[in-house]
Amino acid sequence: MIKITLELLKNCANNLMFDMKEEEYETLDKEFDTLIKQMSLMDDIEGINDVEPMTFPFDCSTYYLREDVEGEMLDSKEVLRNAKEVTANQIKLPKVVK
């Protein structure tokens, strides 16, 4: 398992454009250590490796997709008129990740 370090937390926060104080990094580091210790207790459960992983906590009896229903389309001018910022007939969004 990867070791969570202060440098890793700072790098992740920087990539996600979070502003955090030094004491918040230390608190987060301690919380990750606690979480990793708690999760490592699962390794001690007998037969845990024999259980098939689940992607959802309940059995689902419906494994089909709904039908696509065509709806009313908006005019591109109407859509662009409601946008905060438009560049070259496209809606411009702020950059949120690197």
PDB file of N, CA and C in Angstrom:
ATOM      1  N   MET A   1       0.841  -1.184   0.000  1.00  0.00           N
ATOM      2  CA  MET A   1       0.000   0.000   0.000  1.00  0.00           C
ATOM      3  C   MET A   1       0.884   1.244   0.000  1.00  0.00           C
ATOM      4  N   ILE A   2       0.452   2.258  -0.687  1.00  0.00           N
ATOM      5  CA  ILE A   2       1.211   3.502  -0.791  1.00  0.00           C
ATOM      6  C   ILE A   2       1.220   4.227   0.558  1.00  0.00           C
ATOM      7  N   LYS A   3       2.350   4.789   0.908  1.00  0.00           N
ATOM      8  CA  LYS A   3       2.479   5.549   2.147  1.00  0.00           C
ATOM      9  C   LYS A   3       2.017   6.979   1.896  1.00  0.00           C
ATOM     10  N   ILE A   4       1.093   7.441   2.725  1.00  0.00           N
ATOM     11  CA  ILE A   4       0.588   8.810   2.623  1.00  0.00           C
ATOM     12  C   ILE A   4       1.542   9.720   3.398  1.00  0.00           C
ATOM     13  N   THR A   5       2.191  10.629   2.702  1.00  0.00           N
ATOM     14  CA  THR A   5       3.124  11.557   3.333  1.00  0.00           C
ATOM     15  C   THR A   5       2.593  12.980   3.197  1.00  0.00           C
ATOM     16  N   LEU A   6       3.185  13.875   3.967  1.00  0.00           N
ATOM     17  CA  LEU A   6       2.792  15.283   3.862  1.00  0.00           C
ATOM     18  C   LEU A   6       3.072  15.820   2.468  1.00  0.00           C
ATOM     19  N   GLU A   7       4.172  15.380   1.871  1.00  0.00           N
ATOM     20  CA  GLU A   7       4.507  15.837   0.521  1.00  0.00           C
ATOM     21  C   GLU A   7       3.457  15.373  -0.486  1.00  0.00           C
ATOM     22  N   LEU A   8       2.994  14.127  -0.343  1.00  0.00           N
ATOM     23  CA  LEU A   8       1.964  13.605  -1.235  1.00  0.00           C
ATOM     24  C   LEU A   8       0.659  14.381  -1.062  1.00  0.00           C
ATOM     25  N   LEU A   9       0.293  14.661   0.188  1.00  0.00           N
ATOM     26  CA  LEU A   9      -0.929  15.430   0.447  1.00  0.00           C
ATOM     27  C   LEU A   9      -0.832  16.835  -0.139  1.00  0.00           C
ATOM     28  N   LYS A  10       0.321  17.462   0.016  1.00  0.00           N
ATOM     29  CA  LYS A  10       0.504  18.810  -0.525  1.00  0.00           C
ATOM     30  C   LYS A  10       0.456  18.800  -2.044  1.00  0.00           C
ATOM     31  N   ASN A  11       1.051  17.789  -2.656  1.00  0.00           N
ATOM     32  CA  ASN A  11       1.029  17.674  -4.111  1.00  0.00           C
ATOM     33  C   ASN A  11      -0.406  17.469  -4.612  1.00  0.00           C
ATOM     34  N   CYS A  12      -1.147  16.588  -3.955  1.00  0.00           N
ATOM     35  CA  CYS A  12      -2.548  16.352  -4.351  1.00  0.00           C
ATOM     36  C   CYS A  12      -3.383  17.621  -4.172  1.00  0.00           C
ATOM     37  N   ALA A  13      -3.210  18.300  -3.056  1.00  0.00           N
ATOM     38  CA  ALA A  13      -3.957  19.531  -2.810  1.00  0.00           C
ATOM     39  C   ALA A  13      -3.619  20.582  -3.857  1.00  0.00           C
ATOM     40  N   ASN A  14      -2.359  20.678  -4.226  1.00  0.00           N
ATOM     41  CA  ASN A  14      -1.939  21.629  -5.255  1.00  0.00           C
ATOM     42  C   ASN A  14      -2.570  21.283  -6.599  1.00  0.00           C
ATOM     43  N   ASN A  15      -2.568  19.993  -6.957  1.00  0.00           N
ATOM     44  CA  ASN A  15      -3.166  19.568  -8.226  1.00  0.00           C
ATOM     45  C   ASN A  15      -4.667  19.839  -8.271  1.00  0.00           C
ATOM     46  N   LEU A  16      -5.324  19.739  -7.112  1.00  0.00           N
ATOM     47  CA  LEU A  16      -6.765  19.987  -7.038  1.00  0.00           C
ATOM     48  C   LEU A  16      -7.091  21.447  -6.742  1.00  0.00           C
ATOM     49  N   MET A  17      -6.040  22.268  -6.655  1.00  0.00           N
ATOM     50  CA  MET A  17      -6.176  23.704  -6.395  1.00  0.00           C
ATOM     51  C   MET A  17      -6.859  23.991  -5.060  1.00  0.00           C
ATOM     52  N   PHE A  18      -6.479  23.212  -4.017  1.00  0.00           N
ATOM     53  CA  PHE A  18      -6.965  23.445  -2.659  1.00  0.00           C
ATOM     54  C   PHE A  18      -5.956  24.327  -1.940  1.00  0.00           C
ATOM     55  N   ASP A  19      -6.442  25.252  -1.134  1.00  0.00           N
ATOM     56  CA  ASP A  19      -5.582  26.035  -0.258  1.00  0.00           C
ATOM     57  C   ASP A  19      -5.770  25.504   1.156  1.00  0.00           C
ATOM     58  N   MET A  20      -4.693  24.978   1.734  1.00  0.00           N
ATOM     59  CA  MET A  20      -4.777  24.411   3.072  1.00  0.00           C
ATOM     60  C   MET A  20      -3.660  24.971   3.936  1.00  0.00           C
ATOM     61  N   LYS A  21      -3.937  25.072   5.235  1.00  0.00           N
ATOM     62  CA  LYS A  21      -2.927  25.506   6.192  1.00  0.00           C
ATOM     63  C   LYS A  21      -2.089  24.300   6.598  1.00  0.00           C
ATOM     64  N   GLU A  22      -0.897  24.575   7.130  1.00  0.00           N
ATOM     65  CA  GLU A  22       0.026  23.502   7.510  1.00  0.00           C
ATOM     66  C   GLU A  22      -0.598  22.564   8.546  1.00  0.00           C
ATOM     67  N   GLU A  23      -1.325  23.110   9.516  1.00  0.00           N
ATOM     68  CA  GLU A  23      -1.934  22.250  10.541  1.00  0.00           C
ATOM     69  C   GLU A  23      -3.042  21.369   9.948  1.00  0.00           C
ATOM     70  N   GLU A  24      -3.672  21.831   8.865  1.00  0.00           N
ATOM     71  CA  GLU A  24      -4.687  21.009   8.202  1.00  0.00           C
ATOM     72  C   GLU A  24      -4.039  19.809   7.512  1.00  0.00           C
ATOM     73  N   TYR A  25      -2.860  20.013   6.944  1.00  0.00           N
ATOM     74  CA  TYR A  25      -2.129  18.890   6.345  1.00  0.00           C
ATOM     75  C   TYR A  25      -1.762  17.859   7.411  1.00  0.00           C
ATOM     76  N   GLU A  26      -1.308  18.339   8.567  1.00  0.00           N
ATOM     77  CA  GLU A  26      -0.918  17.427   9.638  1.00  0.00           C
ATOM     78  C   GLU A  26      -2.123  16.655  10.161  1.00  0.00           C
ATOM     79  N   THR A  27      -3.261  17.330  10.307  1.00  0.00           N
ATOM     80  CA  THR A  27      -4.488  16.653  10.737  1.00  0.00           C
ATOM     81  C   THR A  27      -4.914  15.609   9.719  1.00  0.00           C
ATOM     82  N   LEU A  28      -4.865  15.970   8.457  1.00  0.00           N
ATOM     83  CA  LEU A  28      -5.240  15.041   7.391  1.00  0.00           C
ATOM     84  C   LEU A  28      -4.298  13.839   7.357  1.00  0.00           C
ATOM     85  N   ASP A  29      -3.014  14.068   7.576  1.00  0.00           N
ATOM     86  CA  ASP A  29      -2.038  12.982   7.613  1.00  0.00           C
ATOM     87  C   ASP A  29      -2.355  12.019   8.754  1.00  0.00           C
ATOM     88  N   LYS A  30      -2.682  12.542   9.927  1.00  0.00           N
ATOM     89  CA  LYS A  30      -3.042  11.691  11.071  1.00  0.00           C
ATOM     90  C   LYS A  30      -4.319  10.907  10.783  1.00  0.00           C
ATOM     91  N   GLU A  31      -5.288  11.546  10.143  1.00  0.00           N
ATOM     92  CA  GLU A  31      -6.537  10.865   9.811  1.00  0.00           C
ATOM     93  C   GLU A  31      -6.301   9.737   8.810  1.00  0.00           C
ATOM     94  N   PHE A  32      -5.427   9.960   7.839  1.00  0.00           N
ATOM     95  CA  PHE A  32      -5.095   8.903   6.882  1.00  0.00           C
ATOM     96  C   PHE A  32      -4.391   7.746   7.581  1.00  0.00           C
ATOM     97  N   ASP A  33      -3.477   8.046   8.519  1.00  0.00           N
ATOM     98  CA  ASP A  33      -2.799   6.980   9.264  1.00  0.00           C
ATOM     99  C   ASP A  33      -3.809   6.135  10.029  1.00  0.00           C
ATOM    100  N   THR A  34      -4.762   6.787  10.690  1.00  0.00           N
ATOM    101  CA  THR A  34      -5.808   6.069  11.427  1.00  0.00           C
ATOM    102  C   THR A  34      -6.640   5.214  10.487  1.00  0.00           C
ATOM    103  N   LEU A  35      -7.017   5.778   9.364  1.00  0.00           N
ATOM    104  CA  LEU A  35      -7.834   5.053   8.389  1.00  0.00           C
ATOM    105  C   LEU A  35      -7.093   3.837   7.834  1.00  0.00           C
ATOM    106  N   ILE A  36      -5.825   4.001   7.520  1.00  0.00           N
ATOM    107  CA  ILE A  36      -5.035   2.888   6.980  1.00  0.00           C
ATOM    108  C   ILE A  36      -4.874   1.788   8.024  1.00  0.00           C
ATOM    109  N   LYS A  37      -4.669   2.161   9.297  1.00  0.00           N
ATOM    110  CA  LYS A  37      -4.577   1.157  10.363  1.00  0.00           C
ATOM    111  C   LYS A  37      -5.892   0.400  10.501  1.00  0.00           C
ATOM    112  N   GLN A  38      -7.011   1.109  10.438  1.00  0.00           N
ATOM    113  CA  GLN A  38      -8.316   0.455  10.539  1.00  0.00           C
ATOM    114  C   GLN A  38      -8.561  -0.469   9.353  1.00  0.00           C
ATOM    115  N   MET A  39      -8.198  -0.035   8.153  1.00  0.00           N
ATOM    116  CA  MET A  39      -8.400  -0.863   6.969  1.00  0.00           C
ATOM    117  C   MET A  39      -7.492  -2.090   6.989  1.00  0.00           C
ATOM    118  N   SER A  40      -6.310  -1.978   7.596  1.00  0.00           N
ATOM    119  CA  SER A  40      -5.401  -3.126   7.654  1.00  0.00           C
ATOM    120  C   SER A  40      -5.955  -4.222   8.558  1.00  0.00           C
ATOM    121  N   LEU A  41      -6.885  -3.889   9.459  1.00  0.00           N
ATOM    122  CA  LEU A  41      -7.523  -4.900  10.299  1.00  0.00           C
ATOM    123  C   LEU A  41      -8.323  -5.887   9.461  1.00  0.00           C
ATOM    124  N   MET A  42      -8.765  -5.466   8.283  1.00  0.00           N
ATOM    125  CA  MET A  42      -9.522  -6.364   7.416  1.00  0.00           C
ATOM    126  C   MET A  42      -8.654  -7.507   6.907  1.00  0.00           C
ATOM    127  N   ASP A  43      -7.346  -7.301   6.847  1.00  0.00           N
ATOM    128  CA  ASP A  43      -6.440  -8.361   6.404  1.00  0.00           C
ATOM    129  C   ASP A  43      -6.435  -9.533   7.383  1.00  0.00           C
ATOM    130  N   ASP A  44      -6.810  -9.280   8.649  1.00  0.00           N
ATOM    131  CA  ASP A  44      -6.811 -10.318   9.675  1.00  0.00           C
ATOM    132  C   ASP A  44      -8.083 -11.162   9.655  1.00  0.00           C
ATOM    133  N   ILE A  45      -9.067 -10.799   8.863  1.00  0.00           N
ATOM    134  CA  ILE A  45     -10.321 -11.555   8.805  1.00  0.00           C
ATOM    135  C   ILE A  45     -10.073 -12.854   8.048  1.00  0.00           C
ATOM    136  N   GLU A  46     -10.415 -13.965   8.688  1.00  0.00           N
ATOM    137  CA  GLU A  46     -10.174 -15.275   8.087  1.00  0.00           C
ATOM    138  C   GLU A  46     -11.060 -15.468   6.858  1.00  0.00           C
ATOM    139  N   GLY A  47     -10.462 -15.879   5.759  1.00  0.00           N
ATOM    140  CA  GLY A  47     -11.205 -16.172   4.541  1.00  0.00           C
ATOM    141  C   GLY A  47     -11.582 -14.955   3.720  1.00  0.00           C
ATOM    142  N   ILE A  48     -11.050 -13.784   4.055  1.00  0.00           N
ATOM    143  CA  ILE A  48     -11.424 -12.554   3.339  1.00  0.00           C
ATOM    144  C   ILE A  48     -11.025 -12.623   1.865  1.00  0.00           C
ATOM    145  N   ASN A  49      -9.959 -13.333   1.564  1.00  0.00           N
ATOM    146  CA  ASN A  49      -9.503 -13.423   0.172  1.00  0.00           C
ATOM    147  C   ASN A  49     -10.345 -14.380  -0.662  1.00  0.00           C
ATOM    148  N   ASP A  50     -11.199 -15.175   0.008  1.00  0.00           N
ATOM    149  CA  ASP A  50     -12.056 -16.121  -0.705  1.00  0.00           C
ATOM    150  C   ASP A  50     -13.395 -15.510  -1.107  1.00  0.00           C
ATOM    151  N   VAL A  51     -13.655 -14.282  -0.688  1.00  0.00           N
ATOM    152  CA  VAL A  51     -14.929 -13.621  -0.967  1.00  0.00           C
ATOM    153  C   VAL A  51     -14.801 -12.807  -2.250  1.00  0.00           C
ATOM    154  N   GLU A  52     -15.806 -12.930  -3.119  1.00  0.00           N
ATOM    155  CA  GLU A  52     -15.797 -12.182  -4.380  1.00  0.00           C
ATOM    156  C   GLU A  52     -16.073 -10.701  -4.102  1.00  0.00           C
ATOM    157  N   PRO A  53     -15.280  -9.794  -4.657  1.00  0.00           N
ATOM    158  CA  PRO A  53     -15.509  -8.362  -4.445  1.00  0.00           C
ATOM    159  C   PRO A  53     -16.874  -7.930  -4.976  1.00  0.00           C
ATOM    160  N   MET A  54     -17.470  -6.943  -4.298  1.00  0.00           N
ATOM    161  CA  MET A  54     -18.777  -6.427  -4.703  1.00  0.00           C
ATOM    162  C   MET A  54     -18.620  -5.014  -5.244  1.00  0.00           C
ATOM    163  N   THR A  55     -19.411  -4.673  -6.225  1.00  0.00           N
ATOM    164  CA  THR A  55     -19.421  -3.308  -6.735  1.00  0.00           C
ATOM    165  C   THR A  55     -20.629  -2.548  -6.220  1.00  0.00           C
ATOM    166  N   PHE A  56     -21.592  -3.282  -5.644  1.00  0.00           N
ATOM    167  CA  PHE A  56     -22.808  -2.679  -5.097  1.00  0.00           C
ATOM    168  C   PHE A  56     -23.246  -3.557  -3.933  1.00  0.00           C
ATOM    169  N   PRO A  57     -23.722  -2.994  -2.831  1.00  0.00           N
ATOM    170  CA  PRO A  57     -24.004  -3.814  -1.648  1.00  0.00           C
ATOM    171  C   PRO A  57     -25.211  -4.748  -1.768  1.00  0.00           C
ATOM    172  N   PHE A  58     -26.026  -4.611  -2.792  1.00  0.00           N
ATOM    173  CA  PHE A  58     -27.220  -5.439  -2.948  1.00  0.00           C
ATOM    174  C   PHE A  58     -27.225  -6.092  -4.318  1.00  0.00           C
ATOM    175  N   ASP A  59     -27.846  -7.264  -4.408  1.00  0.00           N
ATOM    176  CA  ASP A  59     -28.033  -7.899  -5.708  1.00  0.00           C
ATOM    177  C   ASP A  59     -29.064  -7.112  -6.495  1.00  0.00           C
ATOM    178  N   CYS A  60     -28.760  -6.832  -7.733  1.00  0.00           N
ATOM    179  CA  CYS A  60     -29.689  -6.104  -8.604  1.00  0.00           C
ATOM    180  C   CYS A  60     -30.263  -7.083  -9.618  1.00  0.00           C
ATOM    181  N   SER A  61     -31.574  -7.073  -9.750  1.00  0.00           N
ATOM    182  CA  SER A  61     -32.196  -7.990 -10.702  1.00  0.00           C
ATOM    183  C   SER A  61     -32.369  -7.345 -12.073  1.00  0.00           C
ATOM    184  N   THR A  62     -32.150  -6.052 -12.163  1.00  0.00           N
ATOM    185  CA  THR A  62     -32.295  -5.376 -13.453  1.00  0.00           C
ATOM    186  C   THR A  62     -30.917  -5.067 -14.017  1.00  0.00           C
ATOM    187  N   TYR A  63     -30.624  -5.697 -15.125  1.00  0.00           N
ATOM    188  CA  TYR A  63     -29.336  -5.493 -15.777  1.00  0.00           C
ATOM    189  C   TYR A  63     -29.526  -4.970 -17.191  1.00  0.00           C
ATOM    190  N   TYR A  64     -30.459  -4.094 -17.378  1.00  0.00           N
ATOM    191  CA  TYR A  64     -30.727  -3.570 -18.706  1.00  0.00           C
ATOM    192  C   TYR A  64     -30.692  -2.047 -18.650  1.00  0.00           C
ATOM    193  N   LEU A  65     -30.468  -1.459 -19.780  1.00  0.00           N
ATOM    194  CA  LEU A  65     -30.460  -0.006 -19.887  1.00  0.00           C
ATOM    195  C   LEU A  65     -31.832   0.465 -20.325  1.00  0.00           C
ATOM    196  N   ARG A  66     -32.201   1.627 -19.889  1.00  0.00           N
ATOM    197  CA  ARG A  66     -33.486   2.183 -20.311  1.00  0.00           C
ATOM    198  C   ARG A  66     -33.397   2.593 -21.776  1.00  0.00           C
ATOM    199  N   GLU A  67     -34.515   2.697 -22.408  1.00  0.00           N
ATOM    200  CA  GLU A  67     -34.571   3.128 -23.801  1.00  0.00           C
ATOM    201  C   GLU A  67     -34.263   4.620 -23.891  1.00  0.00           C
ATOM    202  N   ASP A  68     -33.548   4.996 -24.915  1.00  0.00           N
ATOM    203  CA  ASP A  68     -33.299   6.411 -25.161  1.00  0.00           C
ATOM    204  C   ASP A  68     -34.560   7.030 -25.737  1.00  0.00           C
ATOM    205  N   VAL A  69     -34.991   8.112 -25.117  1.00  0.00           N
ATOM    206  CA  VAL A  69     -36.173   8.813 -25.601  1.00  0.00           C
ATOM    207  C   VAL A  69     -35.718  10.176 -26.095  1.00  0.00           C
ATOM    208  N   GLU A  70     -35.951  10.438 -27.354  1.00  0.00           N
ATOM    209  CA  GLU A  70     -35.534  11.707 -27.934  1.00  0.00           C
ATOM    210  C   GLU A  70     -36.439  12.813 -27.418  1.00  0.00           C
ATOM    211  N   GLY A  71     -35.831  13.874 -26.928  1.00  0.00           N
ATOM    212  CA  GLY A  71     -36.589  15.005 -26.411  1.00  0.00           C
ATOM    213  C   GLY A  71     -36.398  16.231 -27.278  1.00  0.00           C
ATOM    214  N   GLU A  72     -36.968  17.316 -26.828  1.00  0.00           N
ATOM    215  CA  GLU A  72     -36.869  18.566 -27.574  1.00  0.00           C
ATOM    216  C   GLU A  72     -35.451  19.111 -27.458  1.00  0.00           C
ATOM    217  N   MET A  73     -34.866  19.501 -28.572  1.00  0.00           N
ATOM    218  CA  MET A  73     -33.508  20.033 -28.579  1.00  0.00           C
ATOM    219  C   MET A  73     -33.550  21.550 -28.475  1.00  0.00           C
ATOM    220  N   LEU A  74     -32.583  22.079 -27.745  1.00  0.00           N
ATOM    221  CA  LEU A  74     -32.467  23.524 -27.631  1.00  0.00           C
ATOM    222  C   LEU A  74     -31.677  24.067 -28.812  1.00  0.00           C
ATOM    223  N   ASP A  75     -32.014  25.255 -29.219  1.00  0.00           N
ATOM    224  CA  ASP A  75     -31.279  25.942 -30.270  1.00  0.00           C
ATOM    225  C   ASP A  75     -29.928  26.368 -29.704  1.00  0.00           C
ATOM    226  N   SER A  76     -28.849  26.235 -30.492  1.00  0.00           N
ATOM    227  CA  SER A  76     -27.511  26.563 -29.998  1.00  0.00           C
ATOM    228  C   SER A  76     -27.398  28.025 -29.588  1.00  0.00           C
ATOM    229  N   LYS A  77     -28.098  28.914 -30.287  1.00  0.00           N
ATOM    230  CA  LYS A  77     -28.058  30.332 -29.907  1.00  0.00           C
ATOM    231  C   LYS A  77     -28.659  30.536 -28.527  1.00  0.00           C
ATOM    232  N   GLU A  78     -29.720  29.796 -28.231  1.00  0.00           N
ATOM    233  CA  GLU A  78     -30.366  29.905 -26.924  1.00  0.00           C
ATOM    234  C   GLU A  78     -29.442  29.381 -25.821  1.00  0.00           C
ATOM    235  N   VAL A  79     -28.757  28.295 -26.097  1.00  0.00           N
ATOM    236  CA  VAL A  79     -27.828  27.729 -25.121  1.00  0.00           C
ATOM    237  C   VAL A  79     -26.677  28.696 -24.872  1.00  0.00           C
ATOM    238  N   LEU A  80     -26.086  29.224 -25.940  1.00  0.00           N
ATOM    239  CA  LEU A  80     -24.958  30.145 -25.801  1.00  0.00           C
ATOM    240  C   LEU A  80     -25.366  31.448 -25.135  1.00  0.00           C
ATOM    241  N   ARG A  81     -26.600  31.860 -25.320  1.00  0.00           N
ATOM    242  CA  ARG A  81     -27.089  33.087 -24.704  1.00  0.00           C
ATOM    243  C   ARG A  81     -27.109  32.952 -23.175  1.00  0.00           C
ATOM    244  N   ASN A  82     -27.335  31.747 -22.673  1.00  0.00           N
ATOM    245  CA  ASN A  82     -27.391  31.519 -21.232  1.00  0.00           C
ATOM    246  C   ASN A  82     -26.023  31.256 -20.610  1.00  0.00           C
ATOM    247  N   ALA A  83     -24.987  31.099 -21.429  1.00  0.00           N
ATOM    248  CA  ALA A  83     -23.649  30.810 -20.918  1.00  0.00           C
ATOM    249  C   ALA A  83     -23.011  32.068 -20.348  1.00  0.00           C
ATOM    250  N   LYS A  84     -22.197  31.869 -19.316  1.00  0.00           N
ATOM    251  CA  LYS A  84     -21.500  32.989 -18.697  1.00  0.00           C
ATOM    252  C   LYS A  84     -20.429  33.552 -19.627  1.00  0.00           C
ATOM    253  N   GLU A  85     -19.689  32.642 -20.312  1.00  0.00           N
ATOM    254  CA  GLU A  85     -18.625  33.079 -21.218  1.00  0.00           C
ATOM    255  C   GLU A  85     -18.619  32.178 -22.454  1.00  0.00           C
ATOM    256  N   VAL A  86     -18.520  32.802 -23.633  1.00  0.00           N
ATOM    257  CA  VAL A  86     -18.553  32.067 -24.899  1.00  0.00           C
ATOM    258  C   VAL A  86     -17.313  32.424 -25.711  1.00  0.00           C
ATOM    259  N   THR A  87     -16.659  31.398 -26.294  1.00  0.00           N
ATOM    260  CA  THR A  87     -15.511  31.585 -27.170  1.00  0.00           C
ATOM    261  C   THR A  87     -15.698  30.692 -28.390  1.00  0.00           C
ATOM    262  N   ALA A  88     -15.683  31.300 -29.584  1.00  0.00           N
ATOM    263  CA  ALA A  88     -15.805  30.569 -30.852  1.00  0.00           C
ATOM    264  C   ALA A  88     -17.033  29.661 -30.864  1.00  0.00           C
ATOM    265  N   ASN A  89     -18.159  30.219 -30.476  1.00  0.00           N
ATOM    266  CA  ASN A  89     -19.434  29.489 -30.437  1.00  0.00           C
ATOM    267  C   ASN A  89     -19.404  28.262 -29.533  1.00  0.00           C
ATOM    268  N   GLN A  90     -18.573  28.318 -28.491  1.00  0.00           N
ATOM    269  CA  GLN A  90     -18.513  27.251 -27.502  1.00  0.00           C
ATOM    270  C   GLN A  90     -18.538  27.862 -26.117  1.00  0.00           C
ATOM    271  N   ILE A  91     -19.137  27.142 -25.175  1.00  0.00           N
ATOM    272  CA  ILE A  91     -19.186  27.613 -23.794  1.00  0.00           C
ATOM    273  C   ILE A  91     -17.802  27.425 -23.180  1.00  0.00           C
ATOM    274  N   LYS A  92     -17.256  28.487 -22.601  1.00  0.00           N
ATOM    275  CA  LYS A  92     -15.939  28.422 -21.977  1.00  0.00           C
ATOM    276  C   LYS A  92     -16.131  28.207 -20.482  1.00  0.00           C
ATOM    277  N   LEU A  93     -15.468  27.168 -19.954  1.00  0.00           N
ATOM    278  CA  LEU A  93     -15.543  26.834 -18.537  1.00  0.00           C
ATOM    279  C   LEU A  93     -14.194  27.079 -17.887  1.00  0.00           C
ATOM    280  N   PRO A  94     -14.179  27.378 -16.582  1.00  0.00           N
ATOM    281  CA  PRO A  94     -12.897  27.577 -15.910  1.00  0.00           C
ATOM    282  C   PRO A  94     -12.153  26.256 -15.761  1.00  0.00           C
ATOM    283  N   LYS A  95     -10.838  26.328 -15.809  1.00  0.00           N
ATOM    284  CA  LYS A  95      -9.996  25.153 -15.624  1.00  0.00           C
ATOM    285  C   LYS A  95     -10.070  24.746 -14.157  1.00  0.00           C
ATOM    286  N   VAL A  96     -10.325  23.470 -13.908  1.00  0.00           N
ATOM    287  CA  VAL A  96     -10.467  23.030 -12.523  1.00  0.00           C
ATOM    288  C   VAL A  96      -9.397  22.040 -12.087  1.00  0.00           C
ATOM    289  N   VAL A  97      -8.687  21.416 -13.029  1.00  0.00           N
ATOM    290  CA  VAL A  97      -7.593  20.511 -12.684  1.00  0.00           C
ATOM    291  C   VAL A  97      -6.442  20.727 -13.651  1.00  0.00           C
ATOM    292  N   LYS A  98      -5.282  20.204 -13.289  1.00  0.00           N
ATOM    293  CA  LYS A  98      -4.113  20.327 -14.162  1.00  0.00           C
ATOM    294  C   LYS A  98      -4.240  19.418 -15.344  1.00  0.00           C
TER     295      LYS A  98
END
